[in-house]
Protein backbone atom coordinates (compact mmCIF):
# COMPACT_ATOMS: atom_id res chain seq x y z
CA UNK A 1 -57.36 -154.03 268.26
CA UNK A 2 -54.91 -156.12 266.25
CA UNK A 3 -51.86 -156.34 268.50
CA UNK A 4 -48.32 -157.11 267.50
CA UNK A 5 -44.93 -156.59 269.09
CA UNK A 6 -42.93 -153.55 267.97
CA UNK A 7 -39.23 -154.29 268.31
CA UNK A 8 -36.34 -151.89 267.87
CA UNK A 9 -33.44 -153.28 265.88
CA UNK A 10 -30.06 -151.68 266.63
CA UNK A 11 -27.14 -151.80 264.20
CA UNK A 12 -25.95 -155.35 263.63
CA UNK A 13 -24.11 -157.61 261.20
CA UNK A 14 -25.04 -160.91 259.56
CA UNK A 15 -22.02 -162.87 258.34
CA UNK A 16 -21.18 -165.80 256.11
CA UNK A 17 -18.93 -168.65 257.27
CA UNK A 18 -16.03 -167.18 255.23
CA UNK A 19 -16.39 -163.70 256.76
CA UNK A 20 -16.76 -165.14 260.27
CA UNK A 21 -13.49 -167.05 259.87
CA UNK A 22 -11.69 -164.02 258.39
CA UNK A 23 -12.70 -161.93 261.42
CA UNK A 24 -12.54 -164.51 264.24
CA UNK A 25 -10.32 -167.34 262.98
CA UNK A 26 -10.63 -170.66 261.20
CA UNK A 27 -13.30 -172.97 262.62
CA UNK A 28 -14.76 -170.26 264.84
CA UNK A 29 -18.35 -170.76 266.06
CA UNK A 30 -20.76 -167.98 267.02
CA UNK A 31 -21.50 -167.70 270.75
CA UNK A 32 -25.23 -167.59 271.53
CA UNK A 33 -26.10 -164.68 273.84
CA UNK A 34 -29.92 -164.56 273.62
CA UNK A 35 -32.75 -165.69 271.37
CA UNK A 36 -34.53 -163.11 269.23
CA UNK A 37 -38.24 -163.09 268.40
CA UNK A 38 -37.84 -164.83 265.06
CA UNK A 39 -37.33 -168.58 265.52
CA UNK A 40 -33.71 -169.65 265.10
CA UNK A 41 -32.34 -166.09 265.19
CA UNK A 42 -30.08 -165.05 268.07
CA UNK A 43 -27.88 -162.22 269.26
CA UNK A 44 -24.25 -163.25 269.60
CA UNK A 45 -21.63 -162.35 272.15
CA UNK A 46 -19.34 -161.41 269.25
CA UNK A 47 -19.00 -157.81 268.10
CA UNK A 48 -17.09 -156.29 265.20
CA UNK A 49 -15.93 -152.82 264.31
CA UNK A 50 -17.62 -151.27 261.27
CA UNK A 51 -15.44 -148.62 259.62
CA UNK A 52 -16.45 -146.12 256.96
CA UNK A 53 -14.78 -142.97 255.58
CA UNK A 54 -15.73 -140.89 258.65
CA UNK A 55 -15.20 -143.26 261.56
CA UNK A 56 -16.01 -146.55 263.26
CA UNK A 57 -18.81 -148.06 265.34
CA UNK A 58 -19.13 -151.41 267.13
CA UNK A 59 -21.93 -153.77 266.18
CA UNK A 60 -23.15 -157.13 267.43
CA UNK A 61 -23.29 -160.19 265.20
CA UNK A 62 -26.63 -161.92 264.69
CA UNK A 63 -26.75 -165.67 264.13
CA UNK A 64 -26.99 -168.07 262.56
CA UNK A 65 -24.52 -167.65 259.71
CA UNK A 66 -26.07 -166.41 256.46
CA UNK A 67 -25.49 -166.92 252.74
CA UNK A 68 -24.65 -163.18 252.37
CA UNK A 69 -22.87 -160.77 254.69
CA UNK A 70 -25.06 -157.78 255.50
CA UNK A 71 -24.43 -154.73 257.70
CA UNK A 72 -27.65 -153.12 258.99
CA UNK A 73 -27.33 -149.51 260.10
CA UNK A 74 -29.68 -146.70 261.06
CA UNK A 75 -29.55 -143.57 258.89
CA UNK A 76 -27.83 -141.81 261.80
CA UNK A 77 -25.16 -144.56 261.95
CA UNK A 78 -24.63 -144.42 258.18
CA UNK A 79 -24.14 -140.62 258.26
CA UNK A 80 -21.72 -140.89 261.19
CA UNK A 81 -19.68 -143.49 259.31
CA UNK A 82 -19.84 -141.61 255.99
CA UNK A 83 -21.55 -144.55 254.27
CA UNK A 84 -24.23 -143.73 251.70
CA UNK A 85 -26.45 -146.64 252.75
CA UNK A 86 -29.89 -146.99 251.19
CA UNK A 87 -33.16 -148.18 252.69
CA UNK A 88 -33.53 -151.77 251.53
CA UNK A 89 -35.30 -154.99 252.37
CA UNK A 90 -33.05 -157.40 254.22
CA UNK A 91 -31.09 -159.49 251.72
CA UNK A 92 -31.34 -156.89 248.92
CA UNK A 93 -27.69 -155.83 248.97
CA UNK A 94 -26.80 -155.65 245.26
CA UNK A 95 -25.34 -152.25 244.41
CA UNK A 96 -25.05 -151.14 248.04
CA UNK A 97 -21.92 -149.57 249.55
CA UNK A 98 -19.37 -151.53 251.51
CA UNK A 99 -17.29 -150.92 254.63
CA UNK A 100 -14.42 -152.42 256.55
CA UNK A 101 -15.18 -155.01 259.25
CA UNK A 102 -12.62 -155.69 261.97
CA UNK A 103 -12.65 -158.62 264.37
CA UNK A 104 -10.10 -160.02 266.82
CA UNK A 105 -8.40 -162.22 264.18
CA UNK A 106 -8.46 -159.94 261.15
CA UNK A 107 -10.22 -157.38 259.01
CA UNK A 108 -12.05 -157.48 255.73
CA UNK A 109 -13.12 -154.86 253.18
CA UNK A 110 -16.68 -155.48 252.02
CA UNK A 111 -17.40 -154.20 248.51
CA UNK A 112 -21.13 -154.08 249.27
CA UNK A 113 -23.66 -155.07 251.93
CA UNK A 114 -24.38 -151.93 254.01
CA UNK A 115 -28.10 -151.11 254.20
CA UNK A 116 -30.65 -149.29 256.27
CA UNK A 117 -33.24 -152.00 256.78
CA UNK A 118 -36.73 -150.87 255.84
CA UNK A 119 -39.33 -151.09 258.58
CA UNK A 120 -41.08 -154.40 258.22
CA UNK A 121 -43.47 -156.81 259.86
CA UNK A 122 -42.80 -160.54 260.04
CA UNK A 123 -45.92 -162.69 259.59
CA UNK A 124 -46.77 -166.32 259.20
CA UNK A 125 -49.16 -167.21 256.35
CA UNK A 126 -51.94 -167.50 258.97
CA UNK A 127 -51.18 -163.98 260.24
CA UNK A 128 -51.19 -162.62 256.68
CA UNK A 129 -54.59 -164.22 256.05
CA UNK A 130 -55.91 -162.78 259.33
CA UNK A 131 -54.84 -159.26 258.32
CA UNK A 132 -55.80 -159.68 254.65
CA UNK A 133 -52.30 -158.98 253.32
CA UNK A 134 -49.69 -160.71 251.18
CA UNK A 135 -45.91 -160.87 251.13
CA UNK A 136 -44.43 -157.49 250.10
CA UNK A 137 -47.63 -155.50 250.72
CA UNK A 138 -47.21 -152.24 252.62
CA UNK A 139 -49.19 -151.57 255.79
CA UNK A 140 -49.34 -148.93 258.49
CA UNK A 141 -48.61 -149.70 262.13
CA UNK A 142 -49.86 -147.57 265.01
CA UNK A 143 -47.92 -147.65 268.28
CA UNK A 144 -49.73 -147.79 271.60
CA UNK A 145 -48.98 -144.05 271.93
CA UNK A 146 -50.68 -143.31 268.59
CA UNK A 147 -47.57 -142.77 266.43
CA UNK A 148 -48.18 -144.20 262.93
CA UNK A 149 -45.38 -145.88 260.98
CA UNK A 150 -46.12 -145.63 257.24
CA UNK A 151 -44.93 -148.02 254.52
CA UNK A 152 -44.19 -151.04 256.72
CA UNK A 153 -43.19 -153.93 254.45
CA UNK A 154 -45.03 -157.23 255.02
CA UNK A 155 -42.74 -160.27 255.00
CA UNK A 156 -44.50 -163.64 255.05
CA UNK A 157 -42.81 -166.95 255.79
CA UNK A 158 -43.91 -170.17 257.50
CA UNK A 159 -41.27 -169.79 260.22
CA UNK A 160 -42.01 -166.14 261.08
CA UNK A 161 -43.52 -164.97 264.35
CA UNK A 162 -45.67 -161.82 264.26
CA UNK A 163 -43.43 -158.82 265.06
CA UNK A 164 -42.78 -155.36 263.64
CA UNK A 165 -39.12 -154.36 263.29
CA UNK A 166 -38.11 -150.70 263.26
CA UNK A 167 -34.66 -149.18 263.59
CA UNK A 168 -33.36 -146.95 266.37
CA UNK A 169 -34.13 -143.75 264.43
CA UNK A 170 -37.79 -144.77 263.97
CA UNK A 171 -38.04 -145.70 267.66
CA UNK A 172 -36.66 -142.30 268.70
CA UNK A 173 -39.02 -140.47 266.34
CA UNK A 174 -41.97 -142.32 267.87
CA UNK A 175 -40.74 -141.80 271.41
CA UNK A 176 -40.37 -145.53 271.97
CA UNK A 177 -37.62 -146.41 274.43
CA UNK A 178 -36.38 -149.78 275.56
CA UNK A 179 -39.29 -151.74 276.99
CA UNK A 180 -41.79 -148.95 276.32
CA UNK A 181 -44.87 -149.29 274.12
CA UNK A 182 -44.05 -152.77 272.84
CA UNK A 183 -47.48 -153.28 271.31
CA UNK A 184 -48.82 -151.89 268.06
CA UNK A 185 -51.82 -152.17 265.79
CA UNK A 186 -51.46 -153.24 262.16
CA UNK A 187 -53.61 -151.11 259.88
CA UNK A 188 -53.84 -152.99 256.59
């Protein structure tokens, strides 16, 4: 069996330096809360309010700062907010809808950047060679309970650690709760 971690990714926001300062104040630095599975990535203490036409939801910031601001929602979150977010690969935000972000020092209207992140698997080049796949291939992943996730995007980078990322809606559909069934099998 080819094991990998299956991790559930809740709604979150990646911000640029300019957006961070607009929301939290000039010179503000993100506060590290805990490391995430991908090297250098961390959950922050900071949260913002995401507002769409139908309401608002809180979301945690993920560090470090990025070159583009991106709001990652589940389909359920997007519907609740009234945002017509599309399933996209992280970073592919051109032509996506925006929202309002509110922090303790201010608010900002984003013209774009709201997505539903496609399910994906992070791999190092060595992992990709082991599984016989390349960057942007699609694979299937079977959870330890036998649920199969179709069309899982392969993302290959030297710094990546092997892990599958699904959103909260996918986790619920598969019956995966916090800390349950953290292992899966990649079916290339």
